[in-house]
Each structure stands twice: as C-alpha cells, then as structure tokens.
C-alpha cells in the first residue's frame, strides 16, 4: 500500500464497558487513536432506514495493517470528516498489507 493515497485522517473507537447512568445502560466507546486512511468513492445511492427518518450512506476506507487495525470489527465506530460511522465489515488486503473498512453513517453522538 503506497503512502500517497493515505490522505485522510480517521479516529477509531472500540466498544467498551457499559456505562449505567441510573436510568439506562449504554455501551461506552474507547478512543483507540487515529490512522491515515484512503477514501474510496462508492456509488451515490443512499439506504433509507426506519421509514426514511435516517439516511445511511455507505463508505469504504483503506488503512495500513497494524495490530490495532487488524482488530477492527463490527461494533467499532469511526469518526471521519466530522461524521460518525458504524463499521459494517473489515477485510484484509493482500498479506497484512492493508485493511478495507466498510461503514455506514449514523446520527448518534460518540
């Protein structure tokens, strides 16, 4: 994987222990750090979920393979260009050369 296309910065969040505020219990997210990434443009279509209340726009990012990025799985979140994304899949590129991450937007706060 060449360094030239890695021109974007993403922040990775791992699901952590649940936080109980007395009313509800919601999973906390642990900031695992930032990585340089390559944005791969996808089709321009949007998937409307929940009767059109929320548009989920799919994106694909590629990052270098390292011990942290090889752990990325569904349940992780990514912050990219000021928006939050839920990871829907991650696959290895080549032989520990890189990781291709598929994600969709969400409107929840980190």
PDB file of N, CA and C in Angstrom:
ATOM      1  N   UNK A   1       0.854  -1.176   0.000  1.00  0.00           N
ATOM      2  CA  UNK A   1       0.000   0.000   0.000  1.00  0.00           C
ATOM      3  C   UNK A   1       0.897   1.235   0.000  1.00  0.00           C
ATOM      4  N   UNK A   2       0.741   2.071  -1.002  1.00  0.00           N
ATOM      5  CA  UNK A   2       1.543   3.273  -1.115  1.00  0.00           C
ATOM      6  C   UNK A   2       1.041   4.347  -0.165  1.00  0.00           C
ATOM      7  N   UNK A   3       1.951   5.200   0.300  1.00  0.00           N
ATOM      8  CA  UNK A   3       1.592   6.242   1.261  1.00  0.00           C
ATOM      9  C   UNK A   3       0.828   7.390   0.622  1.00  0.00           C
ATOM     10  N   UNK A   4       0.980   7.622  -0.674  1.00  0.00           N
ATOM     11  CA  UNK A   4       0.334   8.743  -1.343  1.00  0.00           C
ATOM     12  C   UNK A   4      -1.169   8.805  -1.162  1.00  0.00           C
ATOM     13  N   UNK A   5      -1.878   7.707  -1.408  1.00  0.00           N
ATOM     14  CA  UNK A   5      -3.339   7.770  -1.289  1.00  0.00           C
ATOM     15  C   UNK A   5      -3.854   7.922   0.150  1.00  0.00           C
ATOM     16  N   UNK A   6      -3.006   7.720   1.143  1.00  0.00           N
ATOM     17  CA  UNK A   6      -3.451   7.826   2.542  1.00  0.00           C
ATOM     18  C   UNK A   6      -3.473   9.300   2.942  1.00  0.00           C
ATOM     19  N   UNK A   7      -4.487  10.018   2.457  1.00  0.00           N
ATOM     20  CA  UNK A   7      -4.530  11.467   2.642  1.00  0.00           C
ATOM     21  C   UNK A   7      -5.641  11.939   3.581  1.00  0.00           C
ATOM     22  N   UNK A   8      -6.309  11.024   4.245  1.00  0.00           N
ATOM     23  CA  UNK A   8      -7.383  11.379   5.188  1.00  0.00           C
ATOM     24  C   UNK A   8      -7.013  10.872   6.572  1.00  0.00           C
ATOM     25  N   UNK A   9      -7.613  11.473   7.594  1.00  0.00           N
ATOM     26  CA  UNK A   9      -7.390  11.050   8.977  1.00  0.00           C
ATOM     27  C   UNK A   9      -8.711  10.527   9.542  1.00  0.00           C
ATOM     28  N   UNK A  10      -8.670   9.343  10.164  1.00  0.00           N
ATOM     29  CA  UNK A  10      -9.852   8.794  10.827  1.00  0.00           C
ATOM     30  C   UNK A  10      -9.511   8.534  12.288  1.00  0.00           C
ATOM     31  N   UNK A  11     -10.540   8.569  13.133  1.00  0.00           N
ATOM     32  CA  UNK A  11     -10.393   8.219  14.543  1.00  0.00           C
ATOM     33  C   UNK A  11     -11.168   6.936  14.783  1.00  0.00           C
ATOM     34  N   UNK A  12     -10.542   5.981  15.444  1.00  0.00           N
ATOM     35  CA  UNK A  12     -11.138   4.672  15.694  1.00  0.00           C
ATOM     36  C   UNK A  12     -11.649   4.584  17.129  1.00  0.00           C
ATOM     37  N   UNK A  13     -12.860   4.063  17.287  1.00  0.00           N
ATOM     38  CA  UNK A  13     -13.465   3.885  18.611  1.00  0.00           C
ATOM     39  C   UNK A  13     -13.878   2.433  18.771  1.00  0.00           C
ATOM     40  N   UNK A  14     -13.423   1.816  19.867  1.00  0.00           N
ATOM     41  CA  UNK A  14     -13.744   0.426  20.192  1.00  0.00           C
ATOM     42  C   UNK A  14     -14.881   0.418  21.215  1.00  0.00           C
ATOM     43  N   UNK A  15     -15.817  -0.544  21.101  1.00  0.00           N
ATOM     44  CA  UNK A  15     -16.848  -0.649  22.125  1.00  0.00           C
ATOM     45  C   UNK A  15     -16.218  -1.051  23.457  1.00  0.00           C
ATOM     46  N   UNK A  16     -16.630  -0.389  24.516  1.00  0.00           N
ATOM     47  CA  UNK A  16     -16.075  -0.660  25.833  1.00  0.00           C
ATOM     48  C   UNK A  16     -17.141  -1.149  26.795  1.00  0.00           C
ATOM     49  N   UNK A  17     -16.837  -1.060  28.068  1.00  0.00           N
ATOM     50  CA  UNK A  17     -17.777  -1.483  29.109  1.00  0.00           C
ATOM     51  C   UNK A  17     -18.986  -0.562  29.130  1.00  0.00           C
ATOM     52  N   UNK A  18     -20.127  -1.111  29.481  1.00  0.00           N
ATOM     53  CA  UNK A  18     -21.356  -0.334  29.527  1.00  0.00           C
ATOM     54  C   UNK A  18     -21.318   0.683  30.665  1.00  0.00           C
ATOM     55  N   UNK A  19     -21.902   1.841  30.407  1.00  0.00           N
ATOM     56  CA  UNK A  19     -21.996   2.900  31.403  1.00  0.00           C
ATOM     57  C   UNK A  19     -23.443   2.976  31.870  1.00  0.00           C
ATOM     58  N   UNK A  20     -23.658   2.869  33.182  1.00  0.00           N
ATOM     59  CA  UNK A  20     -25.002   2.917  33.748  1.00  0.00           C
ATOM     60  C   UNK A  20     -25.183   4.263  34.429  1.00  0.00           C
ATOM     61  N   UNK A  21     -26.102   5.081  33.911  1.00  0.00           N
ATOM     62  CA  UNK A  21     -26.334   6.405  34.491  1.00  0.00           C
ATOM     63  C   UNK A  21     -27.508   6.408  35.470  1.00  0.00           C
ATOM     64  N   UNK A  22     -28.000   5.251  35.838  1.00  0.00           N
ATOM     65  CA  UNK A  22     -29.112   5.157  36.766  1.00  0.00           C
ATOM     66  C   UNK A  22     -30.446   4.958  36.068  1.00  0.00           C
ATOM     67  N   UNK A  23     -30.531   5.367  34.810  1.00  0.00           N
ATOM     68  CA  UNK A  23     -31.758   5.215  34.033  1.00  0.00           C
ATOM     69  C   UNK A  23     -31.590   4.168  32.940  1.00  0.00           C
ATOM     70  N   UNK A  24     -30.518   4.274  32.219  1.00  0.00           N
ATOM     71  CA  UNK A  24     -30.255   3.326  31.140  1.00  0.00           C
ATOM     72  C   UNK A  24     -28.793   2.888  31.191  1.00  0.00           C
ATOM     73  N   UNK A  25     -28.532   1.813  30.519  1.00  0.00           N
ATOM     74  CA  UNK A  25     -27.166   1.321  30.399  1.00  0.00           C
ATOM     75  C   UNK A  25     -26.806   1.336  28.923  1.00  0.00           C
ATOM     76  N   UNK A  26     -25.800   2.128  28.561  1.00  0.00           N
ATOM     77  CA  UNK A  26     -25.403   2.183  27.163  1.00  0.00           C
ATOM     78  C   UNK A  26     -23.909   1.913  27.056  1.00  0.00           C
ATOM     79  N   UNK A  27     -23.497   1.305  25.940  1.00  0.00           N
ATOM     80  CA  UNK A  27     -22.080   0.975  25.791  1.00  0.00           C
ATOM     81  C   UNK A  27     -21.222   2.221  25.617  1.00  0.00           C
ATOM     82  N   UNK A  28     -20.099   2.224  26.287  1.00  0.00           N
ATOM     83  CA  UNK A  28     -19.146   3.323  26.156  1.00  0.00           C
ATOM     84  C   UNK A  28     -18.216   3.009  24.992  1.00  0.00           C
ATOM     85  N   UNK A  29     -17.626   4.033  24.446  1.00  0.00           N
ATOM     86  CA  UNK A  29     -16.665   3.849  23.367  1.00  0.00           C
ATOM     87  C   UNK A  29     -15.304   4.336  23.831  1.00  0.00           C
ATOM     88  N   UNK A  30     -14.288   3.561  23.539  1.00  0.00           N
ATOM     89  CA  UNK A  30     -12.928   3.923  23.915  1.00  0.00           C
ATOM     90  C   UNK A  30     -12.185   4.401  22.678  1.00  0.00           C
ATOM     91  N   UNK A  31     -11.607   5.579  22.760  1.00  0.00           N
ATOM     92  CA  UNK A  31     -10.842   6.129  21.653  1.00  0.00           C
ATOM     93  C   UNK A  31      -9.536   5.351  21.540  1.00  0.00           C
ATOM     94  N   UNK A  32      -9.352   4.668  20.424  1.00  0.00           N
ATOM     95  CA  UNK A  32      -8.161   3.841  20.217  1.00  0.00           C
ATOM     96  C   UNK A  32      -7.069   4.567  19.446  1.00  0.00           C
ATOM     97  N   UNK A  33      -7.368   5.738  18.920  1.00  0.00           N
ATOM     98  CA  UNK A  33      -6.345   6.503  18.213  1.00  0.00           C
ATOM     99  C   UNK A  33      -6.763   6.872  16.811  1.00  0.00           C
ATOM    100  N   UNK A  34      -5.848   7.498  16.096  1.00  0.00           N
ATOM    101  CA  UNK A  34      -6.110   7.931  14.731  1.00  0.00           C
ATOM    102  C   UNK A  34      -5.191   7.179  13.769  1.00  0.00           C
ATOM    103  N   UNK A  35      -5.637   7.092  12.543  1.00  0.00           N
ATOM    104  CA  UNK A  35      -4.855   6.461  11.484  1.00  0.00           C
ATOM    105  C   UNK A  35      -5.067   7.251  10.197  1.00  0.00           C
ATOM    106  N   UNK A  36      -4.057   7.202   9.323  1.00  0.00           N
ATOM    107  CA  UNK A  36      -4.223   7.758   7.996  1.00  0.00           C
ATOM    108  C   UNK A  36      -4.990   6.756   7.157  1.00  0.00           C
ATOM    109  N   UNK A  37      -5.873   7.268   6.297  1.00  0.00           N
ATOM    110  CA  UNK A  37      -6.729   6.387   5.516  1.00  0.00           C
ATOM    111  C   UNK A  37      -6.879   6.908   4.096  1.00  0.00           C
ATOM    112  N   UNK A  38      -7.329   6.021   3.257  1.00  0.00           N
ATOM    113  CA  UNK A  38      -7.669   6.357   1.871  1.00  0.00           C
ATOM    114  C   UNK A  38      -9.171   6.194   1.726  1.00  0.00           C
ATOM    115  N   UNK A  39      -9.840   7.228   1.239  1.00  0.00           N
ATOM    116  CA  UNK A  39     -11.280   7.192   0.996  1.00  0.00           C
ATOM    117  C   UNK A  39     -11.514   6.663  -0.412  1.00  0.00           C
ATOM    118  N   UNK A  40     -12.358   5.641  -0.526  1.00  0.00           N
ATOM    119  CA  UNK A  40     -12.686   5.065  -1.831  1.00  0.00           C
ATOM    120  C   UNK A  40     -14.129   5.443  -2.152  1.00  0.00           C
ATOM    121  N   UNK A  41     -14.334   6.268  -3.164  1.00  0.00           N
ATOM    122  CA  UNK A  41     -15.707   6.678  -3.510  1.00  0.00           C
ATOM    123  C   UNK A  41     -16.551   5.474  -3.910  1.00  0.00           C
ATOM    124  N   UNK A  42     -17.751   5.451  -3.411  1.00  0.00           N
ATOM    125  CA  UNK A  42     -18.696   4.387  -3.722  1.00  0.00           C
ATOM    126  C   UNK A  42     -19.842   4.978  -4.537  1.00  0.00           C
ATOM    127  N   UNK A  43     -20.831   4.165  -4.794  1.00  0.00           N
ATOM    128  CA  UNK A  43     -21.994   4.650  -5.521  1.00  0.00           C
ATOM    129  C   UNK A  43     -22.689   5.746  -4.707  1.00  0.00           C
ATOM    130  N   UNK A  44     -23.446   6.548  -5.364  1.00  0.00           N
ATOM    131  CA  UNK A  44     -24.047   7.721  -4.731  1.00  0.00           C
ATOM    132  C   UNK A  44     -25.394   7.403  -4.092  1.00  0.00           C
ATOM    133  N   UNK A  45     -25.835   6.164  -4.141  1.00  0.00           N
ATOM    134  CA  UNK A  45     -27.143   5.829  -3.580  1.00  0.00           C
ATOM    135  C   UNK A  45     -27.131   5.871  -2.061  1.00  0.00           C
ATOM    136  N   UNK A  46     -28.288   6.076  -1.493  1.00  0.00           N
ATOM    137  CA  UNK A  46     -28.448   6.076  -0.049  1.00  0.00           C
ATOM    138  C   UNK A  46     -29.448   5.004   0.337  1.00  0.00           C
ATOM    139  N   UNK A  47     -29.240   4.430   1.497  1.00  0.00           N
ATOM    140  CA  UNK A  47     -30.151   3.420   2.016  1.00  0.00           C
ATOM    141  C   UNK A  47     -30.974   4.094   3.110  1.00  0.00           C
ATOM    142  N   UNK A  48     -32.284   4.135   2.921  1.00  0.00           N
ATOM    143  CA  UNK A  48     -33.141   4.785   3.911  1.00  0.00           C
ATOM    144  C   UNK A  48     -33.671   3.741   4.883  1.00  0.00           C
ATOM    145  N   UNK A  49     -33.418   3.964   6.153  1.00  0.00           N
ATOM    146  CA  UNK A  49     -33.843   3.030   7.194  1.00  0.00           C
ATOM    147  C   UNK A  49     -34.862   3.713   8.094  1.00  0.00           C
ATOM    148  N   UNK A  50     -35.731   2.945   8.682  1.00  0.00           N
ATOM    149  CA  UNK A  50     -36.697   3.491   9.629  1.00  0.00           C
ATOM    150  C   UNK A  50     -37.692   4.428   8.976  1.00  0.00           C
ATOM    151  N   UNK A  51     -38.222   4.072   7.819  1.00  0.00           N
ATOM    152  CA  UNK A  51     -39.240   4.902   7.181  1.00  0.00           C
ATOM    153  C   UNK A  51     -38.691   6.222   6.663  1.00  0.00           C
ATOM    154  N   UNK A  52     -37.413   6.274   6.335  1.00  0.00           N
ATOM    155  CA  UNK A  52     -36.840   7.490   5.779  1.00  0.00           C
ATOM    156  C   UNK A  52     -36.384   8.501   6.803  1.00  0.00           C
ATOM    157  N   UNK A  53     -36.434   8.145   8.083  1.00  0.00           N
ATOM    158  CA  UNK A  53     -36.001   9.088   9.115  1.00  0.00           C
ATOM    159  C   UNK A  53     -34.502   9.289   9.122  1.00  0.00           C
ATOM    160  N   UNK A  54     -33.757   8.272   8.743  1.00  0.00           N
ATOM    161  CA  UNK A  54     -32.304   8.348   8.796  1.00  0.00           C
ATOM    162  C   UNK A  54     -31.728   7.757   7.514  1.00  0.00           C
ATOM    163  N   UNK A  55     -30.905   8.522   6.840  1.00  0.00           N
ATOM    164  CA  UNK A  55     -30.241   8.027   5.643  1.00  0.00           C
ATOM    165  C   UNK A  55     -28.902   7.432   6.049  1.00  0.00           C
ATOM    166  N   UNK A  56     -28.648   6.227   5.617  1.00  0.00           N
ATOM    167  CA  UNK A  56     -27.364   5.588   5.899  1.00  0.00           C
ATOM    168  C   UNK A  56     -26.558   5.558   4.612  1.00  0.00           C
ATOM    169  N   UNK A  57     -25.504   6.335   4.582  1.00  0.00           N
ATOM    170  CA  UNK A  57     -24.659   6.427   3.398  1.00  0.00           C
ATOM    171  C   UNK A  57     -23.437   5.533   3.596  1.00  0.00           C
ATOM    172  N   UNK A  58     -23.230   4.546   2.709  1.00  0.00           N
ATOM    173  CA  UNK A  58     -22.085   3.656   2.869  1.00  0.00           C
ATOM    174  C   UNK A  58     -20.790   4.318   2.393  1.00  0.00           C
ATOM    175  N   UNK A  59     -19.684   4.001   3.083  1.00  0.00           N
ATOM    176  CA  UNK A  59     -18.360   4.452   2.665  1.00  0.00           C
ATOM    177  C   UNK A  59     -17.385   3.286   2.777  1.00  0.00           C
ATOM    178  N   UNK A  60     -16.277   3.405   2.083  1.00  0.00           N
ATOM    179  CA  UNK A  60     -15.198   2.416   2.172  1.00  0.00           C
ATOM    180  C   UNK A  60     -13.901   3.178   2.396  1.00  0.00           C
ATOM    181  N   UNK A  61     -13.132   2.724   3.388  1.00  0.00           N
ATOM    182  CA  UNK A  61     -11.843   3.326   3.712  1.00  0.00           C
ATOM    183  C   UNK A  61     -10.785   2.226   3.729  1.00  0.00           C
ATOM    184  N   UNK A  62      -9.562   2.582   3.363  1.00  0.00           N
ATOM    185  CA  UNK A  62      -8.450   1.641   3.467  1.00  0.00           C
ATOM    186  C   UNK A  62      -7.394   2.239   4.379  1.00  0.00           C
ATOM    187  N   UNK A  63      -6.866   1.415   5.288  1.00  0.00           N
ATOM    188  CA  UNK A  63      -5.811   1.832   6.211  1.00  0.00           C
ATOM    189  C   UNK A  63      -4.685   0.794   6.149  1.00  0.00           C
ATOM    190  N   UNK A  64      -3.531   1.177   6.638  1.00  0.00           N
ATOM    191  CA  UNK A  64      -2.422   0.225   6.726  1.00  0.00           C
ATOM    192  C   UNK A  64      -2.742  -0.828   7.785  1.00  0.00           C
ATOM    193  N   UNK A  65      -2.255  -2.013   7.572  1.00  0.00           N
ATOM    194  CA  UNK A  65      -2.440  -3.094   8.531  1.00  0.00           C
ATOM    195  C   UNK A  65      -1.441  -2.942   9.669  1.00  0.00           C
ATOM    196  N   UNK A  66      -1.943  -2.939  10.898  1.00  0.00           N
ATOM    197  CA  UNK A  66      -1.105  -2.936  12.094  1.00  0.00           C
ATOM    198  C   UNK A  66      -1.875  -3.681  13.179  1.00  0.00           C
ATOM    199  N   UNK A  67      -1.292  -3.914  14.344  1.00  0.00           N
ATOM    200  CA  UNK A  67      -2.009  -4.689  15.367  1.00  0.00           C
ATOM    201  C   UNK A  67      -3.386  -4.118  15.736  1.00  0.00           C
ATOM    202  N   UNK A  68      -3.541  -2.805  15.729  1.00  0.00           N
ATOM    203  CA  UNK A  68      -4.846  -2.213  16.056  1.00  0.00           C
ATOM    204  C   UNK A  68      -5.835  -2.377  14.914  1.00  0.00           C
ATOM    205  N   UNK A  69      -5.446  -2.034  13.700  1.00  0.00           N
ATOM    206  CA  UNK A  69      -6.402  -2.086  12.590  1.00  0.00           C
ATOM    207  C   UNK A  69      -6.828  -3.512  12.258  1.00  0.00           C
ATOM    208  N   UNK A  70      -6.011  -4.499  12.584  1.00  0.00           N
ATOM    209  CA  UNK A  70      -6.416  -5.887  12.356  1.00  0.00           C
ATOM    210  C   UNK A  70      -7.500  -6.330  13.330  1.00  0.00           C
ATOM    211  N   UNK A  71      -7.750  -5.559  14.401  1.00  0.00           N
ATOM    212  CA  UNK A  71      -8.794  -5.887  15.372  1.00  0.00           C
ATOM    213  C   UNK A  71     -10.148  -5.278  15.015  1.00  0.00           C
ATOM    214  N   UNK A  72     -10.189  -4.364  14.057  1.00  0.00           N
ATOM    215  CA  UNK A  72     -11.442  -3.676  13.714  1.00  0.00           C
ATOM    216  C   UNK A  72     -12.482  -4.691  13.289  1.00  0.00           C
ATOM    217  N   UNK A  73     -13.689  -4.529  13.835  1.00  0.00           N
ATOM    218  CA  UNK A  73     -14.784  -5.453  13.579  1.00  0.00           C
ATOM    219  C   UNK A  73     -16.093  -4.666  13.672  1.00  0.00           C
ATOM    220  N   UNK A  74     -17.202  -5.325  13.382  1.00  0.00           N
ATOM    221  CA  UNK A  74     -18.483  -4.661  13.555  1.00  0.00           C
ATOM    222  C   UNK A  74     -18.625  -4.297  15.030  1.00  0.00           C
ATOM    223  N   UNK A  75     -19.286  -3.220  15.316  1.00  0.00           N
ATOM    224  CA  UNK A  75     -19.380  -2.722  16.684  1.00  0.00           C
ATOM    225  C   UNK A  75     -18.447  -1.543  16.900  1.00  0.00           C
ATOM    226  N   UNK A  76     -17.399  -1.447  16.114  1.00  0.00           N
ATOM    227  CA  UNK A  76     -16.496  -0.307  16.193  1.00  0.00           C
ATOM    228  C   UNK A  76     -17.164   0.884  15.513  1.00  0.00           C
ATOM    229  N   UNK A  77     -16.679   2.072  15.847  1.00  0.00           N
ATOM    230  CA  UNK A  77     -17.139   3.289  15.185  1.00  0.00           C
ATOM    231  C   UNK A  77     -15.942   4.059  14.678  1.00  0.00           C
ATOM    232  N   UNK A  78     -16.200   4.852  13.656  1.00  0.00           N
ATOM    233  CA  UNK A  78     -15.166   5.685  13.049  1.00  0.00           C
ATOM    234  C   UNK A  78     -15.683   7.115  12.970  1.00  0.00           C
ATOM    235  N   UNK A  79     -14.805   8.053  13.269  1.00  0.00           N
ATOM    236  CA  UNK A  79     -15.116   9.455  13.029  1.00  0.00           C
ATOM    237  C   UNK A  79     -14.286   9.873  11.818  1.00  0.00           C
ATOM    238  N   UNK A  80     -14.969  10.357  10.778  1.00  0.00           N
ATOM    239  CA  UNK A  80     -14.317  10.709   9.528  1.00  0.00           C
ATOM    240  C   UNK A  80     -14.953  11.974   8.977  1.00  0.00           C
ATOM    241  N   UNK A  81     -14.154  13.003   8.793  1.00  0.00           N
ATOM    242  CA  UNK A  81     -14.601  14.291   8.266  1.00  0.00           C
ATOM    243  C   UNK A  81     -15.796  14.846   9.031  1.00  0.00           C
ATOM    244  N   UNK A  82     -15.741  14.738  10.357  1.00  0.00           N
ATOM    245  CA  UNK A  82     -16.770  15.314  11.211  1.00  0.00           C
ATOM    246  C   UNK A  82     -18.046  14.501  11.342  1.00  0.00           C
ATOM    247  N   UNK A  83     -18.105  13.319  10.762  1.00  0.00           N
ATOM    248  CA  UNK A  83     -19.293  12.465  10.847  1.00  0.00           C
ATOM    249  C   UNK A  83     -18.928  11.154  11.522  1.00  0.00           C
ATOM    250  N   UNK A  84     -19.938  10.531  12.118  1.00  0.00           N
ATOM    251  CA  UNK A  84     -19.768   9.246  12.793  1.00  0.00           C
ATOM    252  C   UNK A  84     -20.239   8.121  11.882  1.00  0.00           C
ATOM    253  N   UNK A  85     -19.492   7.028  11.879  1.00  0.00           N
ATOM    254  CA  UNK A  85     -19.815   5.876  11.044  1.00  0.00           C
ATOM    255  C   UNK A  85     -19.759   4.606  11.873  1.00  0.00           C
ATOM    256  N   UNK A  86     -20.710   3.697  11.636  1.00  0.00           N
ATOM    257  CA  UNK A  86     -20.703   2.363  12.229  1.00  0.00           C
ATOM    258  C   UNK A  86     -20.008   1.417  11.265  1.00  0.00           C
ATOM    259  N   UNK A  87     -19.038   0.654  11.750  1.00  0.00           N
ATOM    260  CA  UNK A  87     -18.320  -0.299  10.906  1.00  0.00           C
ATOM    261  C   UNK A  87     -19.238  -1.478  10.605  1.00  0.00           C
ATOM    262  N   UNK A  88     -19.366  -1.812   9.324  1.00  0.00           N
ATOM    263  CA  UNK A  88     -20.181  -2.956   8.921  1.00  0.00           C
ATOM    264  C   UNK A  88     -19.336  -4.139   8.488  1.00  0.00           C
ATOM    265  N   UNK A  89     -18.041  -3.917   8.300  1.00  0.00           N
ATOM    266  CA  UNK A  89     -17.159  -5.012   7.921  1.00  0.00           C
ATOM    267  C   UNK A  89     -15.736  -4.529   7.724  1.00  0.00           C
ATOM    268  N   UNK A  90     -14.800  -5.452   7.863  1.00  0.00           N
ATOM    269  CA  UNK A  90     -13.391  -5.159   7.628  1.00  0.00           C
ATOM    270  C   UNK A  90     -12.754  -6.404   7.027  1.00  0.00           C
ATOM    271  N   UNK A  91     -11.961  -6.204   5.975  1.00  0.00           N
ATOM    272  CA  UNK A  91     -11.295  -7.341   5.358  1.00  0.00           C
ATOM    273  C   UNK A  91      -9.851  -6.988   5.051  1.00  0.00           C
ATOM    274  N   UNK A  92      -9.024  -8.008   5.092  1.00  0.00           N
ATOM    275  CA  UNK A  92      -7.593  -7.826   4.866  1.00  0.00           C
ATOM    276  C   UNK A  92      -7.317  -7.656   3.375  1.00  0.00           C
ATOM    277  N   UNK A  93      -6.398  -6.755   3.058  1.00  0.00           N
ATOM    278  CA  UNK A  93      -5.962  -6.545   1.676  1.00  0.00           C
ATOM    279  C   UNK A  93      -4.578  -7.180   1.547  1.00  0.00           C
ATOM    280  N   UNK A  94      -4.462  -8.116   0.664  1.00  0.00           N
ATOM    281  CA  UNK A  94      -3.169  -8.776   0.481  1.00  0.00           C
ATOM    282  C   UNK A  94      -2.756  -9.551   1.715  1.00  0.00           C
ATOM    283  N   UNK A  95      -1.479  -9.577   1.958  1.00  0.00           N
ATOM    284  CA  UNK A  95      -0.940 -10.312   3.098  1.00  0.00           C
ATOM    285  C   UNK A  95      -0.468  -9.326   4.148  1.00  0.00           C
ATOM    286  N   UNK A  96      -1.399  -8.895   5.003  1.00  0.00           N
ATOM    287  CA  UNK A  96      -1.131  -7.884   6.027  1.00  0.00           C
ATOM    288  C   UNK A  96      -0.610  -6.586   5.419  1.00  0.00           C
ATOM    289  N   UNK A  97      -1.115  -6.285   4.249  1.00  0.00           N
ATOM    290  CA  UNK A  97      -0.734  -5.064   3.566  1.00  0.00           C
ATOM    291  C   UNK A  97      -1.634  -3.905   3.991  1.00  0.00           C
ATOM    292  N   UNK A  98      -2.926  -4.163   4.104  1.00  0.00           N
ATOM    293  CA  UNK A  98      -3.874  -3.130   4.484  1.00  0.00           C
ATOM    294  C   UNK A  98      -5.184  -3.742   4.932  1.00  0.00           C
ATOM    295  N   UNK A  99      -6.083  -2.884   5.409  1.00  0.00           N
ATOM    296  CA  UNK A  99      -7.414  -3.300   5.841  1.00  0.00           C
ATOM    297  C   UNK A  99      -8.421  -2.420   5.116  1.00  0.00           C
ATOM    298  N   UNK A 100      -9.420  -3.037   4.484  1.00  0.00           N
ATOM    299  CA  UNK A 100     -10.510  -2.314   3.836  1.00  0.00           C
ATOM    300  C   UNK A 100     -11.702  -2.318   4.786  1.00  0.00           C
ATOM    301  N   UNK A 101     -12.148  -1.125   5.184  1.00  0.00           N
ATOM    302  CA  UNK A 101     -13.224  -0.969   6.158  1.00  0.00           C
ATOM    303  C   UNK A 101     -14.480  -0.459   5.464  1.00  0.00           C
ATOM    304  N   UNK A 102     -15.591  -1.173   5.646  1.00  0.00           N
ATOM    305  CA  UNK A 102     -16.892  -0.721   5.154  1.00  0.00           C
ATOM    306  C   UNK A 102     -17.662  -0.162   6.342  1.00  0.00           C
ATOM    307  N   UNK A 103     -18.338   0.962   6.128  1.00  0.00           N
ATOM    308  CA  UNK A 103     -19.081   1.592   7.216  1.00  0.00           C
ATOM    309  C   UNK A 103     -20.282   2.357   6.671  1.00  0.00           C
ATOM    310  N   UNK A 104     -21.232   2.661   7.547  1.00  0.00           N
ATOM    311  CA  UNK A 104     -22.391   3.489   7.194  1.00  0.00           C
ATOM    312  C   UNK A 104     -22.530   4.605   8.213  1.00  0.00           C
ATOM    313  N   UNK A 105     -23.079   5.729   7.781  1.00  0.00           N
ATOM    314  CA  UNK A 105     -23.254   6.873   8.674  1.00  0.00           C
ATOM    315  C   UNK A 105     -24.279   6.559   9.750  1.00  0.00           C
ATOM    316  N   UNK A 106     -24.148   7.263  10.863  1.00  0.00           N
ATOM    317  CA  UNK A 106     -25.169   7.233  11.902  1.00  0.00           C
ATOM    318  C   UNK A 106     -25.306   8.645  12.455  1.00  0.00           C
ATOM    319  N   UNK A 107     -26.403   8.909  13.124  1.00  0.00           N
ATOM    320  CA  UNK A 107     -26.619  10.253  13.649  1.00  0.00           C
ATOM    321  C   UNK A 107     -26.445  10.313  15.160  1.00  0.00           C
ATOM    322  N   UNK A 108     -25.882   9.265  15.745  1.00  0.00           N
ATOM    323  CA  UNK A 108     -25.674   9.247  17.184  1.00  0.00           C
ATOM    324  C   UNK A 108     -24.379   9.956  17.536  1.00  0.00           C
ATOM    325  N   UNK A 109     -24.324  10.481  18.725  1.00  0.00           N
ATOM    326  CA  UNK A 109     -23.104  11.113  19.222  1.00  0.00           C
ATOM    327  C   UNK A 109     -22.169  10.039  19.745  1.00  0.00           C
ATOM    328  N   UNK A 110     -20.879  10.282  19.661  1.00  0.00           N
ATOM    329  CA  UNK A 110     -19.907   9.345  20.222  1.00  0.00           C
ATOM    330  C   UNK A 110     -19.916   9.536  21.702  1.00  0.00           C
TER     331      UNK A 110
END
